[in-house]
């Protein structure tokens, strides 16, 4: 069975995202942007992206 994360993509570069459960966000290592997960729902609008300092 495929997981929802397999279908989600970054709204800017359309690449795959990495789930960071401990930080409750989806992370894009290529752009170093993170998208918050609010009340169990990913906020995947470009305006919701946050800079992810210190991530690799």
C-alpha atoms as a PDB file:
ATOM      1  CA  UNK A   1       0.000   0.000   0.000  1.00  0.00           C
ATOM      2  CA  UNK A   2       1.377   3.381  -0.972  1.00  0.00           C
ATOM      3  CA  UNK A   3       1.615   6.168   1.587  1.00  0.00           C
ATOM      4  CA  UNK A   4       0.266   9.676   1.158  1.00  0.00           C
ATOM      5  CA  UNK A   5       3.811  11.104   1.462  1.00  0.00           C
ATOM      6  CA  UNK A   6       4.661   9.298  -1.782  1.00  0.00           C
ATOM      7  CA  UNK A   7       2.119  11.494  -3.605  1.00  0.00           C
ATOM      8  CA  UNK A   8       2.954  14.863  -2.028  1.00  0.00           C
ATOM      9  CA  UNK A   9       5.295  17.221  -3.828  1.00  0.00           C
ATOM     10  CA  UNK A  10       6.852  20.591  -3.132  1.00  0.00           C
ATOM     11  CA  UNK A  11       4.620  23.279  -4.654  1.00  0.00           C
ATOM     12  CA  UNK A  12       7.623  25.223  -5.980  1.00  0.00           C
ATOM     13  CA  UNK A  13      10.004  22.650  -7.505  1.00  0.00           C
ATOM     14  CA  UNK A  14       7.521  19.731  -7.617  1.00  0.00           C
ATOM     15  CA  UNK A  15      10.091  17.388  -6.075  1.00  0.00           C
ATOM     16  CA  UNK A  16       9.550  14.888  -3.258  1.00  0.00           C
ATOM     17  CA  UNK A  17       9.360  15.966   0.376  1.00  0.00           C
ATOM     18  CA  UNK A  18      10.774  14.354   3.526  1.00  0.00           C
ATOM     19  CA  UNK A  19       8.524  13.900   6.547  1.00  0.00           C
ATOM     20  CA  UNK A  20      10.126  15.212   9.754  1.00  0.00           C
ATOM     21  CA  UNK A  21       7.728  13.869  12.377  1.00  0.00           C
ATOM     22  CA  UNK A  22       9.627  15.274  15.344  1.00  0.00           C
ATOM     23  CA  UNK A  23       9.301  18.810  13.907  1.00  0.00           C
ATOM     24  CA  UNK A  24       5.813  18.268  12.441  1.00  0.00           C
ATOM     25  CA  UNK A  25       6.758  19.412   8.975  1.00  0.00           C
ATOM     26  CA  UNK A  26       7.586  18.334   5.439  1.00  0.00           C
ATOM     27  CA  UNK A  27      11.106  19.260   4.359  1.00  0.00           C
ATOM     28  CA  UNK A  28      12.595  19.861   0.931  1.00  0.00           C
ATOM     29  CA  UNK A  29      16.383  19.334   1.129  1.00  0.00           C
ATOM     30  CA  UNK A  30      16.926  20.808  -2.351  1.00  0.00           C
ATOM     31  CA  UNK A  31      15.453  24.211  -1.516  1.00  0.00           C
ATOM     32  CA  UNK A  32      15.963  23.972   2.274  1.00  0.00           C
ATOM     33  CA  UNK A  33      12.332  24.934   2.808  1.00  0.00           C
ATOM     34  CA  UNK A  34       9.956  23.341   5.276  1.00  0.00           C
ATOM     35  CA  UNK A  35       6.178  23.198   5.185  1.00  0.00           C
ATOM     36  CA  UNK A  36       4.355  22.942   8.523  1.00  0.00           C
ATOM     37  CA  UNK A  37       1.807  20.279   9.349  1.00  0.00           C
ATOM     38  CA  UNK A  38      -1.108  21.963  11.129  1.00  0.00           C
ATOM     39  CA  UNK A  39      -3.712  19.815  12.882  1.00  0.00           C
ATOM     40  CA  UNK A  40      -2.523  16.830  10.850  1.00  0.00           C
ATOM     41  CA  UNK A  41      -2.828  18.626   7.499  1.00  0.00           C
ATOM     42  CA  UNK A  42       0.255  19.680   5.487  1.00  0.00           C
ATOM     43  CA  UNK A  43       0.286  23.385   4.574  1.00  0.00           C
ATOM     44  CA  UNK A  44       1.648  23.119   1.033  1.00  0.00           C
ATOM     45  CA  UNK A  45       1.325  26.633  -0.316  1.00  0.00           C
ATOM     46  CA  UNK A  46       4.529  28.396  -1.329  1.00  0.00           C
ATOM     47  CA  UNK A  47       3.653  31.210   1.090  1.00  0.00           C
ATOM     48  CA  UNK A  48       3.624  28.704   3.995  1.00  0.00           C
ATOM     49  CA  UNK A  49       7.241  27.651   3.419  1.00  0.00           C
ATOM     50  CA  UNK A  50       9.759  28.403   6.144  1.00  0.00           C
ATOM     51  CA  UNK A  51      13.536  28.607   5.852  1.00  0.00           C
ATOM     52  CA  UNK A  52      15.043  25.488   7.429  1.00  0.00           C
ATOM     53  CA  UNK A  53      18.326  26.735   8.865  1.00  0.00           C
ATOM     54  CA  UNK A  54      21.045  24.203   9.573  1.00  0.00           C
ATOM     55  CA  UNK A  55      19.383  21.370   7.681  1.00  0.00           C
ATOM     56  CA  UNK A  56      21.218  19.293   5.126  1.00  0.00           C
END
